[in-house]
Amino acid sequence: MNIDLSYIRFLSLTYLFPIMGFYFGAYIIHRLSARIANRFRPLGDITMRDNPRRYERLRTLQSLTSSALSIAAYIIATLFSLTLFVDAESLIWMIGLFSAAFGLGARPFISDFLTGISFIFEDTIDVGDKIEIPMSPKTVEGVVEKVTLRVTQVRGMDGELFTMPNGDIRLVRNFSRGDISRTSVSVKVPSTSLVQALTLLEALAQPAMTRLPNLVEPWQVISETGAIGNDTELTILAKAKFGKGAELRTRLMALVQEELGTLSTTIDVSANPNTD
């Protein structure tokens, strides 16, 4: 079987080498996209005005920008490769037909990218945020490690890594936003000592701000159940400096146990697990 080497050389020079060059250039841009994104500051400056979490926000924007650069590079390489086989007018028709078919068949894929783009401007989550996302069959809770145009990665509380398509993220509970963290402590007292305990806790609310530096305002004492039996359960609602809720809770428990220990009856002090 005779092989026409001149024809193979013609195909290589006309099609193969240019296509390889286009995709090699796209690969280089993909590899350098993270470095390019790290130098891309204007978008971050616009979207991070008055944002106290500027560093985390910048990391998120850089991740999204890097993903966008890689995708754009490969799309352009594909278009340039197609121009070797078809003219410009036919290429426009092909792109139109492909876009229509792609839009119908890959709606979830497109939804992922559109949601990822919205993350840039809406400031929904940042890398480093502690979040909770209702997913099926379980709720995902953890710290955001990476955000791209298509997926978001969250490191779970037990160390597992969740990778979720952006289009599936409908509701986000973000524990890392705001100026305060909330915490609470439950106090179970005998009903015969309820008035005495309540008076003591209310009187201690203001002085506690001096003894507990992370407490930002006097606490409130409520009864969540509203039930009175042999024992009555009171709940102390407190506001801590941002990120200090867990630390304040333990110190609050110790303070309440110390002060209510002066009562002649037994006091049961426990922590409420719902602490921001």
C-alpha atoms as a PDB file:
ATOM      1  CA  MET A   1       0.000   0.000   0.000  1.00  0.00           C
ATOM      2  CA  ASN A   2       1.535   3.250  -1.137  1.00  0.00           C
ATOM      3  CA  ILE A   3       1.229   6.268   1.105  1.00  0.00           C
ATOM      4  CA  ASP A   4       1.401   9.699  -0.417  1.00  0.00           C
ATOM      5  CA  LEU A   5       3.774  11.453   1.979  1.00  0.00           C
ATOM      6  CA  SER A   6       3.253  14.786   0.285  1.00  0.00           C
ATOM      7  CA  TYR A   7      -0.486  14.584   0.980  1.00  0.00           C
ATOM      8  CA  ILE A   8       0.121  13.718   4.642  1.00  0.00           C
ATOM      9  CA  ARG A   9       2.539  16.621   4.867  1.00  0.00           C
ATOM     10  CA  PHE A  10      -0.071  18.879   3.312  1.00  0.00           C
ATOM     11  CA  LEU A  11      -2.722  17.780   5.845  1.00  0.00           C
ATOM     12  CA  SER A  12      -0.299  18.249   8.725  1.00  0.00           C
ATOM     13  CA  LEU A  13       0.681  21.746   7.694  1.00  0.00           C
ATOM     14  CA  THR A  14      -2.859  22.766   6.782  1.00  0.00           C
ATOM     15  CA  TYR A  15      -4.882  21.251   9.614  1.00  0.00           C
ATOM     16  CA  LEU A  16      -3.040  19.182  12.215  1.00  0.00           C
ATOM     17  CA  PHE A  17      -0.286  21.586  13.253  1.00  0.00           C
ATOM     18  CA  PRO A  18      -2.553  24.669  13.432  1.00  0.00           C
ATOM     19  CA  ILE A  19      -5.126  22.758  15.504  1.00  0.00           C
ATOM     20  CA  MET A  20      -2.419  21.504  17.835  1.00  0.00           C
ATOM     21  CA  GLY A  21      -1.128  25.069  18.092  1.00  0.00           C
ATOM     22  CA  PHE A  22      -4.559  26.445  18.962  1.00  0.00           C
ATOM     23  CA  TYR A  23      -5.162  23.915  21.716  1.00  0.00           C
ATOM     24  CA  PHE A  24      -1.606  24.158  22.993  1.00  0.00           C
ATOM     25  CA  GLY A  25      -2.128  27.901  23.369  1.00  0.00           C
ATOM     26  CA  ALA A  26      -5.413  27.238  25.185  1.00  0.00           C
ATOM     27  CA  TYR A  27      -3.618  24.784  27.476  1.00  0.00           C
ATOM     28  CA  ILE A  28      -0.939  27.376  28.271  1.00  0.00           C
ATOM     29  CA  ILE A  29      -3.626  29.940  29.139  1.00  0.00           C
ATOM     30  CA  HIS A  30      -5.353  27.311  31.293  1.00  0.00           C
ATOM     31  CA  ARG A  31      -2.135  26.642  33.187  1.00  0.00           C
ATOM     32  CA  LEU A  32      -1.450  30.369  33.618  1.00  0.00           C
ATOM     33  CA  SER A  33      -5.060  31.322  34.400  1.00  0.00           C
ATOM     34  CA  ALA A  34      -4.512  31.236  38.162  1.00  0.00           C
ATOM     35  CA  ARG A  35      -1.507  33.589  37.899  1.00  0.00           C
ATOM     36  CA  ILE A  36      -3.385  35.900  35.549  1.00  0.00           C
ATOM     37  CA  ALA A  37      -6.366  35.952  37.914  1.00  0.00           C
ATOM     38  CA  ASN A  38      -4.090  36.769  40.860  1.00  0.00           C
ATOM     39  CA  ARG A  39      -3.019  39.931  39.055  1.00  0.00           C
ATOM     40  CA  PHE A  40      -6.549  40.881  38.069  1.00  0.00           C
ATOM     41  CA  ARG A  41      -7.581  43.402  40.734  1.00  0.00           C
ATOM     42  CA  PRO A  42     -10.056  45.910  39.211  1.00  0.00           C
ATOM     43  CA  LEU A  43     -13.098  43.621  39.469  1.00  0.00           C
ATOM     44  CA  GLY A  44     -12.255  42.854  43.063  1.00  0.00           C
ATOM     45  CA  ASP A  45     -11.865  46.526  43.908  1.00  0.00           C
ATOM     46  CA  ILE A  46     -15.305  47.278  42.457  1.00  0.00           C
ATOM     47  CA  THR A  47     -17.168  44.470  44.205  1.00  0.00           C
ATOM     48  CA  MET A  48     -15.378  44.623  47.559  1.00  0.00           C
ATOM     49  CA  ARG A  49     -16.005  48.215  48.591  1.00  0.00           C
ATOM     50  CA  ASP A  50     -16.796  48.428  52.307  1.00  0.00           C
ATOM     51  CA  ASN A  51     -16.525  44.635  52.561  1.00  0.00           C
ATOM     52  CA  PRO A  52     -14.776  43.571  55.801  1.00  0.00           C
ATOM     53  CA  ARG A  53     -13.936  40.188  54.254  1.00  0.00           C
ATOM     54  CA  ARG A  54     -11.864  41.637  51.409  1.00  0.00           C
ATOM     55  CA  TYR A  55      -9.248  38.860  51.364  1.00  0.00           C
ATOM     56  CA  GLU A  56     -11.766  36.004  51.186  1.00  0.00           C
ATOM     57  CA  ARG A  57     -13.784  37.890  48.569  1.00  0.00           C
ATOM     58  CA  LEU A  58     -10.665  38.407  46.463  1.00  0.00           C
ATOM     59  CA  ARG A  59      -9.839  34.681  46.586  1.00  0.00           C
ATOM     60  CA  THR A  60     -13.340  33.837  45.399  1.00  0.00           C
ATOM     61  CA  LEU A  61     -13.156  36.327  42.506  1.00  0.00           C
ATOM     62  CA  GLN A  62      -9.746  35.030  41.476  1.00  0.00           C
ATOM     63  CA  SER A  63     -11.046  31.460  41.418  1.00  0.00           C
ATOM     64  CA  LEU A  64     -14.013  32.449  39.258  1.00  0.00           C
ATOM     65  CA  THR A  65     -11.834  34.530  36.922  1.00  0.00           C
ATOM     66  CA  SER A  66      -9.365  31.663  36.510  1.00  0.00           C
ATOM     67  CA  SER A  67     -12.197  29.291  35.587  1.00  0.00           C
ATOM     68  CA  ALA A  68     -13.636  31.782  33.085  1.00  0.00           C
ATOM     69  CA  LEU A  69     -10.246  32.279  31.390  1.00  0.00           C
ATOM     70  CA  SER A  70      -9.735  28.532  30.949  1.00  0.00           C
ATOM     71  CA  ILE A  71     -13.190  28.014  29.458  1.00  0.00           C
ATOM     72  CA  ALA A  72     -12.844  30.998  27.115  1.00  0.00           C
ATOM     73  CA  ALA A  73      -9.424  29.804  25.911  1.00  0.00           C
ATOM     74  CA  TYR A  74     -10.696  26.366  24.882  1.00  0.00           C
ATOM     75  CA  ILE A  75     -13.822  27.794  23.234  1.00  0.00           C
ATOM     76  CA  ILE A  76     -11.701  30.176  21.143  1.00  0.00           C
ATOM     77  CA  ALA A  77      -9.311  27.344  20.224  1.00  0.00           C
ATOM     78  CA  THR A  78     -12.262  25.274  19.040  1.00  0.00           C
ATOM     79  CA  LEU A  79     -13.636  28.153  16.939  1.00  0.00           C
ATOM     80  CA  PHE A  80     -10.261  28.788  15.324  1.00  0.00           C
ATOM     81  CA  SER A  81      -9.957  25.083  14.517  1.00  0.00           C
ATOM     82  CA  LEU A  82     -13.364  25.084  12.848  1.00  0.00           C
ATOM     83  CA  THR A  83     -12.383  28.035  10.629  1.00  0.00           C
ATOM     84  CA  LEU A  84      -9.872  25.718   8.927  1.00  0.00           C
ATOM     85  CA  PHE A  85     -12.721  23.593   7.590  1.00  0.00           C
ATOM     86  CA  VAL A  86     -15.654  25.969   7.022  1.00  0.00           C
ATOM     87  CA  ASP A  87     -16.072  29.580   5.958  1.00  0.00           C
ATOM     88  CA  ALA A  88     -17.202  32.345   8.296  1.00  0.00           C
ATOM     89  CA  GLU A  89     -20.856  32.334   7.190  1.00  0.00           C
ATOM     90  CA  SER A  90     -21.221  28.583   7.625  1.00  0.00           C
ATOM     91  CA  LEU A  91     -19.471  28.805  10.977  1.00  0.00           C
ATOM     92  CA  ILE A  92     -21.998  31.366  12.215  1.00  0.00           C
ATOM     93  CA  TRP A  93     -24.840  29.030  11.203  1.00  0.00           C
ATOM     94  CA  MET A  94     -23.131  26.106  12.915  1.00  0.00           C
ATOM     95  CA  ILE A  95     -22.638  28.109  16.110  1.00  0.00           C
ATOM     96  CA  GLY A  96     -26.285  29.161  16.078  1.00  0.00           C
ATOM     97  CA  LEU A  97     -27.561  25.613  15.603  1.00  0.00           C
ATOM     98  CA  PHE A  98     -25.148  24.244  18.167  1.00  0.00           C
ATOM     99  CA  SER A  99     -26.138  26.920  20.684  1.00  0.00           C
ATOM    100  CA  ALA A 100     -29.819  26.092  20.265  1.00  0.00           C
ATOM    101  CA  ALA A 101     -29.212  22.355  20.646  1.00  0.00           C
ATOM    102  CA  PHE A 102     -26.817  22.898  23.523  1.00  0.00           C
ATOM    103  CA  GLY A 103     -29.265  25.201  25.276  1.00  0.00           C
ATOM    104  CA  LEU A 104     -32.000  22.552  25.134  1.00  0.00           C
ATOM    105  CA  GLY A 105     -29.848  19.576  26.056  1.00  0.00           C
ATOM    106  CA  ALA A 106     -27.559  21.133  28.627  1.00  0.00           C
ATOM    107  CA  ARG A 107     -29.814  23.399  30.635  1.00  0.00           C
ATOM    108  CA  PRO A 108     -28.431  22.219  34.019  1.00  0.00           C
ATOM    109  CA  PHE A 109     -24.886  22.810  32.743  1.00  0.00           C
ATOM    110  CA  ILE A 110     -25.790  26.341  31.628  1.00  0.00           C
ATOM    111  CA  SER A 111     -27.578  26.959  34.935  1.00  0.00           C
ATOM    112  CA  ASP A 112     -24.369  26.064  36.786  1.00  0.00           C
ATOM    113  CA  PHE A 113     -22.391  28.676  34.868  1.00  0.00           C
ATOM    114  CA  LEU A 114     -25.009  31.409  35.174  1.00  0.00           C
ATOM    115  CA  THR A 115     -25.199  30.835  38.931  1.00  0.00           C
ATOM    116  CA  GLY A 116     -21.412  30.946  39.137  1.00  0.00           C
ATOM    117  CA  ILE A 117     -21.413  34.290  37.335  1.00  0.00           C
ATOM    118  CA  SER A 118     -24.029  35.607  39.761  1.00  0.00           C
ATOM    119  CA  PHE A 119     -21.715  34.711  42.665  1.00  0.00           C
ATOM    120  CA  ILE A 120     -19.294  37.346  41.339  1.00  0.00           C
ATOM    121  CA  PHE A 121     -21.708  40.229  41.731  1.00  0.00           C
ATOM    122  CA  GLU A 122     -24.165  39.157  44.436  1.00  0.00           C
ATOM    123  CA  ASP A 123     -21.519  38.284  47.035  1.00  0.00           C
ATOM    124  CA  THR A 124     -23.480  35.218  48.184  1.00  0.00           C
ATOM    125  CA  ILE A 125     -20.535  33.218  49.497  1.00  0.00           C
ATOM    126  CA  ASP A 126     -16.796  33.645  49.794  1.00  0.00           C
ATOM    127  CA  VAL A 127     -13.934  31.220  50.212  1.00  0.00           C
ATOM    128  CA  GLY A 128     -13.540  30.664  53.958  1.00  0.00           C
ATOM    129  CA  ASP A 129     -17.227  31.216  54.806  1.00  0.00           C
ATOM    130  CA  LYS A 130     -18.981  28.694  57.042  1.00  0.00           C
ATOM    131  CA  ILE A 131     -22.248  27.850  55.309  1.00  0.00           C
ATOM    132  CA  GLU A 132     -25.176  25.445  55.369  1.00  0.00           C
ATOM    133  CA  ILE A 133     -26.890  24.325  52.149  1.00  0.00           C
ATOM    134  CA  PRO A 134     -30.045  22.167  52.118  1.00  0.00           C
ATOM    135  CA  MET A 135     -29.332  19.340  49.668  1.00  0.00           C
ATOM    136  CA  SER A 136     -30.891  15.938  49.049  1.00  0.00           C
ATOM    137  CA  PRO A 137     -30.544  13.558  50.842  1.00  0.00           C
ATOM    138  CA  LYS A 138     -28.709  15.551  53.557  1.00  0.00           C
ATOM    139  CA  THR A 139     -27.885  19.114  54.481  1.00  0.00           C
ATOM    140  CA  VAL A 140     -24.328  20.172  53.672  1.00  0.00           C
ATOM    141  CA  GLU A 141     -22.578  22.209  56.365  1.00  0.00           C
ATOM    142  CA  GLY A 142     -18.955  23.257  56.313  1.00  0.00           C
ATOM    143  CA  VAL A 143     -16.378  25.788  55.108  1.00  0.00           C
ATOM    144  CA  VAL A 144     -16.173  26.945  51.491  1.00  0.00           C
ATOM    145  CA  GLU A 145     -12.833  25.886  49.999  1.00  0.00           C
ATOM    146  CA  LYS A 146     -13.268  26.707  46.314  1.00  0.00           C
ATOM    147  CA  VAL A 147     -15.770  28.441  44.048  1.00  0.00           C
ATOM    148  CA  THR A 148     -15.600  28.097  40.250  1.00  0.00           C
ATOM    149  CA  LEU A 149     -18.053  28.989  37.511  1.00  0.00           C
ATOM    150  CA  ARG A 150     -19.480  25.453  37.572  1.00  0.00           C
ATOM    151  CA  VAL A 151     -19.041  23.964  41.052  1.00  0.00           C
ATOM    152  CA  THR A 152     -18.595  24.957  44.689  1.00  0.00           C
ATOM    153  CA  GLN A 153     -16.513  22.839  47.055  1.00  0.00           C
ATOM    154  CA  VAL A 154     -17.318  22.749  50.766  1.00  0.00           C
ATOM    155  CA  ARG A 155     -15.219  21.012  53.415  1.00  0.00           C
ATOM    156  CA  GLY A 156     -17.656  19.255  55.771  1.00  0.00           C
ATOM    157  CA  MET A 157     -17.475  19.328  59.559  1.00  0.00           C
ATOM    158  CA  ASP A 158     -16.174  15.730  59.585  1.00  0.00           C
ATOM    159  CA  GLY A 159     -13.484  16.463  56.997  1.00  0.00           C
ATOM    160  CA  GLU A 160     -15.297  15.245  53.890  1.00  0.00           C
ATOM    161  CA  LEU A 161     -15.277  17.354  50.728  1.00  0.00           C
ATOM    162  CA  PHE A 162     -18.618  18.164  49.078  1.00  0.00           C
ATOM    163  CA  THR A 163     -18.572  19.216  45.406  1.00  0.00           C
ATOM    164  CA  MET A 164     -21.898  20.743  44.355  1.00  0.00           C
ATOM    165  CA  PRO A 165     -23.001  22.124  40.972  1.00  0.00           C
ATOM    166  CA  ASN A 166     -23.756  25.822  41.348  1.00  0.00           C
ATOM    167  CA  GLY A 167     -27.151  25.389  39.710  1.00  0.00           C
ATOM    168  CA  ASP A 168     -28.263  23.141  42.601  1.00  0.00           C
ATOM    169  CA  ILE A 169     -27.539  25.813  45.209  1.00  0.00           C
ATOM    170  CA  ARG A 170     -30.864  27.517  45.892  1.00  0.00           C
ATOM    171  CA  LEU A 171     -30.676  28.428  49.560  1.00  0.00           C
ATOM    172  CA  VAL A 172     -27.530  29.302  51.518  1.00  0.00           C
ATOM    173  CA  ARG A 173     -27.315  29.811  55.259  1.00  0.00           C
ATOM    174  CA  ASN A 174     -24.131  31.806  55.823  1.00  0.00           C
ATOM    175  CA  PHE A 175     -22.749  31.835  59.377  1.00  0.00           C
ATOM    176  CA  SER A 176     -19.857  34.142  58.447  1.00  0.00           C
ATOM    177  CA  ARG A 177     -21.813  37.304  57.678  1.00  0.00           C
ATOM    178  CA  GLY A 178     -22.815  39.982  60.132  1.00  0.00           C
ATOM    179  CA  ASP A 179     -21.238  41.822  63.031  1.00  0.00           C
ATOM    180  CA  ILE A 180     -22.229  39.465  65.856  1.00  0.00           C
ATOM    181  CA  SER A 181     -22.521  35.780  66.729  1.00  0.00           C
ATOM    182  CA  ARG A 182     -25.436  34.502  68.766  1.00  0.00           C
ATOM    183  CA  THR A 183     -25.214  31.982  71.569  1.00  0.00           C
ATOM    184  CA  SER A 184     -27.487  30.708  74.304  1.00  0.00           C
ATOM    185  CA  VAL A 185     -27.352  28.792  77.574  1.00  0.00           C
ATOM    186  CA  SER A 186     -30.204  26.865  79.202  1.00  0.00           C
ATOM    187  CA  VAL A 187     -30.706  27.064  82.946  1.00  0.00           C
ATOM    188  CA  LYS A 188     -33.028  24.601  84.683  1.00  0.00           C
ATOM    189  CA  VAL A 189     -34.122  25.764  88.140  1.00  0.00           C
ATOM    190  CA  PRO A 190     -36.673  24.416  90.618  1.00  0.00           C
ATOM    191  CA  SER A 191     -39.932  26.321  90.264  1.00  0.00           C
ATOM    192  CA  THR A 192     -39.780  27.264  93.955  1.00  0.00           C
ATOM    193  CA  SER A 193     -36.598  29.281  93.199  1.00  0.00           C
ATOM    194  CA  LEU A 194     -37.781  30.717  89.867  1.00  0.00           C
ATOM    195  CA  VAL A 195     -38.340  34.298  91.049  1.00  0.00           C
ATOM    196  CA  GLN A 196     -35.025  34.381  92.900  1.00  0.00           C
ATOM    197  CA  ALA A 197     -33.074  32.954  89.927  1.00  0.00           C
ATOM    198  CA  LEU A 198     -34.771  35.230  87.409  1.00  0.00           C
ATOM    199  CA  THR A 199     -34.072  38.331  89.520  1.00  0.00           C
ATOM    200  CA  LEU A 200     -30.422  37.363  89.905  1.00  0.00           C
ATOM    201  CA  LEU A 201     -29.936  36.687  86.156  1.00  0.00           C
ATOM    202  CA  GLU A 202     -31.555  39.978  85.133  1.00  0.00           C
ATOM    203  CA  ALA A 203     -29.464  41.908  87.635  1.00  0.00           C
ATOM    204  CA  LEU A 204     -26.299  40.197  86.391  1.00  0.00           C
ATOM    205  CA  ALA A 205     -26.903  41.008  82.710  1.00  0.00           C
ATOM    206  CA  GLN A 206     -25.291  44.464  82.762  1.00  0.00           C
ATOM    207  CA  PRO A 207     -22.251  43.687  85.015  1.00  0.00           C
ATOM    208  CA  ALA A 208     -21.568  40.577  82.889  1.00  0.00           C
ATOM    209  CA  MET A 209     -20.400  42.800  80.022  1.00  0.00           C
ATOM    210  CA  THR A 210     -17.399  43.807  82.123  1.00  0.00           C
ATOM    211  CA  ARG A 211     -16.631  40.249  83.199  1.00  0.00           C
ATOM    212  CA  LEU A 212     -17.135  38.818  79.689  1.00  0.00           C
ATOM    213  CA  PRO A 213     -15.325  41.085  77.165  1.00  0.00           C
ATOM    214  CA  ASN A 214     -16.796  39.259  74.148  1.00  0.00           C
ATOM    215  CA  LEU A 215     -20.363  40.011  75.254  1.00  0.00           C
ATOM    216  CA  VAL A 216     -21.562  42.979  73.180  1.00  0.00           C
ATOM    217  CA  GLU A 217     -24.809  43.791  75.015  1.00  0.00           C
ATOM    218  CA  PRO A 218     -26.741  42.626  78.101  1.00  0.00           C
ATOM    219  CA  TRP A 219     -28.320  39.222  77.653  1.00  0.00           C
ATOM    220  CA  GLN A 220     -32.021  38.409  77.646  1.00  0.00           C
ATOM    221  CA  VAL A 221     -33.692  35.734  79.788  1.00  0.00           C
ATOM    222  CA  ILE A 222     -36.681  33.933  78.253  1.00  0.00           C
ATOM    223  CA  SER A 223     -38.605  30.684  78.602  1.00  0.00           C
ATOM    224  CA  GLU A 224     -38.774  28.900  75.262  1.00  0.00           C
ATOM    225  CA  THR A 225     -41.387  26.371  76.379  1.00  0.00           C
ATOM    226  CA  GLY A 226     -43.462  28.542  78.714  1.00  0.00           C
ATOM    227  CA  ALA A 227     -44.114  25.459  80.866  1.00  0.00           C
ATOM    228  CA  ILE A 228     -43.883  25.332  84.658  1.00  0.00           C
ATOM    229  CA  GLY A 229     -43.520  22.048  86.530  1.00  0.00           C
ATOM    230  CA  ASN A 230     -41.269  20.887  89.296  1.00  0.00           C
ATOM    231  CA  ASP A 231     -38.462  22.522  87.307  1.00  0.00           C
ATOM    232  CA  THR A 232     -38.550  25.478  84.948  1.00  0.00           C
ATOM    233  CA  GLU A 233     -36.110  25.890  82.067  1.00  0.00           C
ATOM    234  CA  LEU A 234     -34.858  29.394  81.326  1.00  0.00           C
ATOM    235  CA  THR A 235     -32.810  30.332  78.267  1.00  0.00           C
ATOM    236  CA  ILE A 236     -30.180  33.073  78.300  1.00  0.00           C
ATOM    237  CA  LEU A 237     -29.840  34.683  74.854  1.00  0.00           C
ATOM    238  CA  ALA A 238     -26.535  36.489  74.339  1.00  0.00           C
ATOM    239  CA  LYS A 239     -24.779  38.304  71.495  1.00  0.00           C
ATOM    240  CA  ALA A 240     -21.021  37.900  71.132  1.00  0.00           C
ATOM    241  CA  LYS A 241     -18.413  39.562  68.966  1.00  0.00           C
ATOM    242  CA  PHE A 242     -18.311  37.998  65.517  1.00  0.00           C
ATOM    243  CA  GLY A 243     -16.782  34.524  65.620  1.00  0.00           C
ATOM    244  CA  LYS A 244     -16.642  34.427  69.436  1.00  0.00           C
ATOM    245  CA  GLY A 245     -19.984  32.706  70.092  1.00  0.00           C
ATOM    246  CA  ALA A 246     -18.569  29.300  71.053  1.00  0.00           C
ATOM    247  CA  GLU A 247     -15.960  30.828  73.369  1.00  0.00           C
ATOM    248  CA  LEU A 248     -18.505  33.089  75.052  1.00  0.00           C
ATOM    249  CA  ARG A 249     -20.890  30.195  75.627  1.00  0.00           C
ATOM    250  CA  THR A 250     -18.453  28.266  77.831  1.00  0.00           C
ATOM    251  CA  ARG A 251     -17.538  31.356  79.856  1.00  0.00           C
ATOM    252  CA  LEU A 252     -21.200  32.248  80.167  1.00  0.00           C
ATOM    253  CA  MET A 253     -21.979  28.795  81.525  1.00  0.00           C
ATOM    254  CA  ALA A 254     -19.222  29.124  84.123  1.00  0.00           C
ATOM    255  CA  LEU A 255     -20.402  32.591  85.178  1.00  0.00           C
ATOM    256  CA  VAL A 256     -24.040  31.554  85.527  1.00  0.00           C
ATOM    257  CA  GLN A 257     -23.105  28.411  87.462  1.00  0.00           C
ATOM    258  CA  GLU A 258     -20.949  30.480  89.808  1.00  0.00           C
ATOM    259  CA  GLU A 259     -23.603  33.121  90.470  1.00  0.00           C
ATOM    260  CA  LEU A 260     -26.575  30.789  90.777  1.00  0.00           C
ATOM    261  CA  GLY A 261     -24.563  28.482  92.979  1.00  0.00           C
ATOM    262  CA  THR A 262     -25.356  30.854  95.843  1.00  0.00           C
ATOM    263  CA  LEU A 263     -28.957  29.625  95.762  1.00  0.00           C
ATOM    264  CA  SER A 264     -29.852  26.899  98.204  1.00  0.00           C
ATOM    265  CA  THR A 265     -31.311  24.656  95.474  1.00  0.00           C
ATOM    266  CA  THR A 266     -29.655  22.658  92.707  1.00  0.00           C
ATOM    267  CA  ILE A 267     -29.184  24.473  89.380  1.00  0.00           C
ATOM    268  CA  ASP A 268     -28.689  22.627  86.063  1.00  0.00           C
ATOM    269  CA  VAL A 269     -26.787  24.719  83.491  1.00  0.00           C
ATOM    270  CA  SER A 270     -26.422  23.412  79.927  1.00  0.00           C
ATOM    271  CA  ALA A 271     -25.435  24.828  76.543  1.00  0.00           C
ATOM    272  CA  ASN A 272     -27.710  25.216  73.580  1.00  0.00           C
ATOM    273  CA  PRO A 273     -25.958  23.608  70.555  1.00  0.00           C
ATOM    274  CA  ASN A 274     -27.263  26.290  68.141  1.00  0.00           C
ATOM    275  CA  THR A 275     -24.370  28.726  68.296  1.00  0.00           C
ATOM    276  CA  ASP A 276     -23.353  30.794  65.276  1.00  0.00           C
END
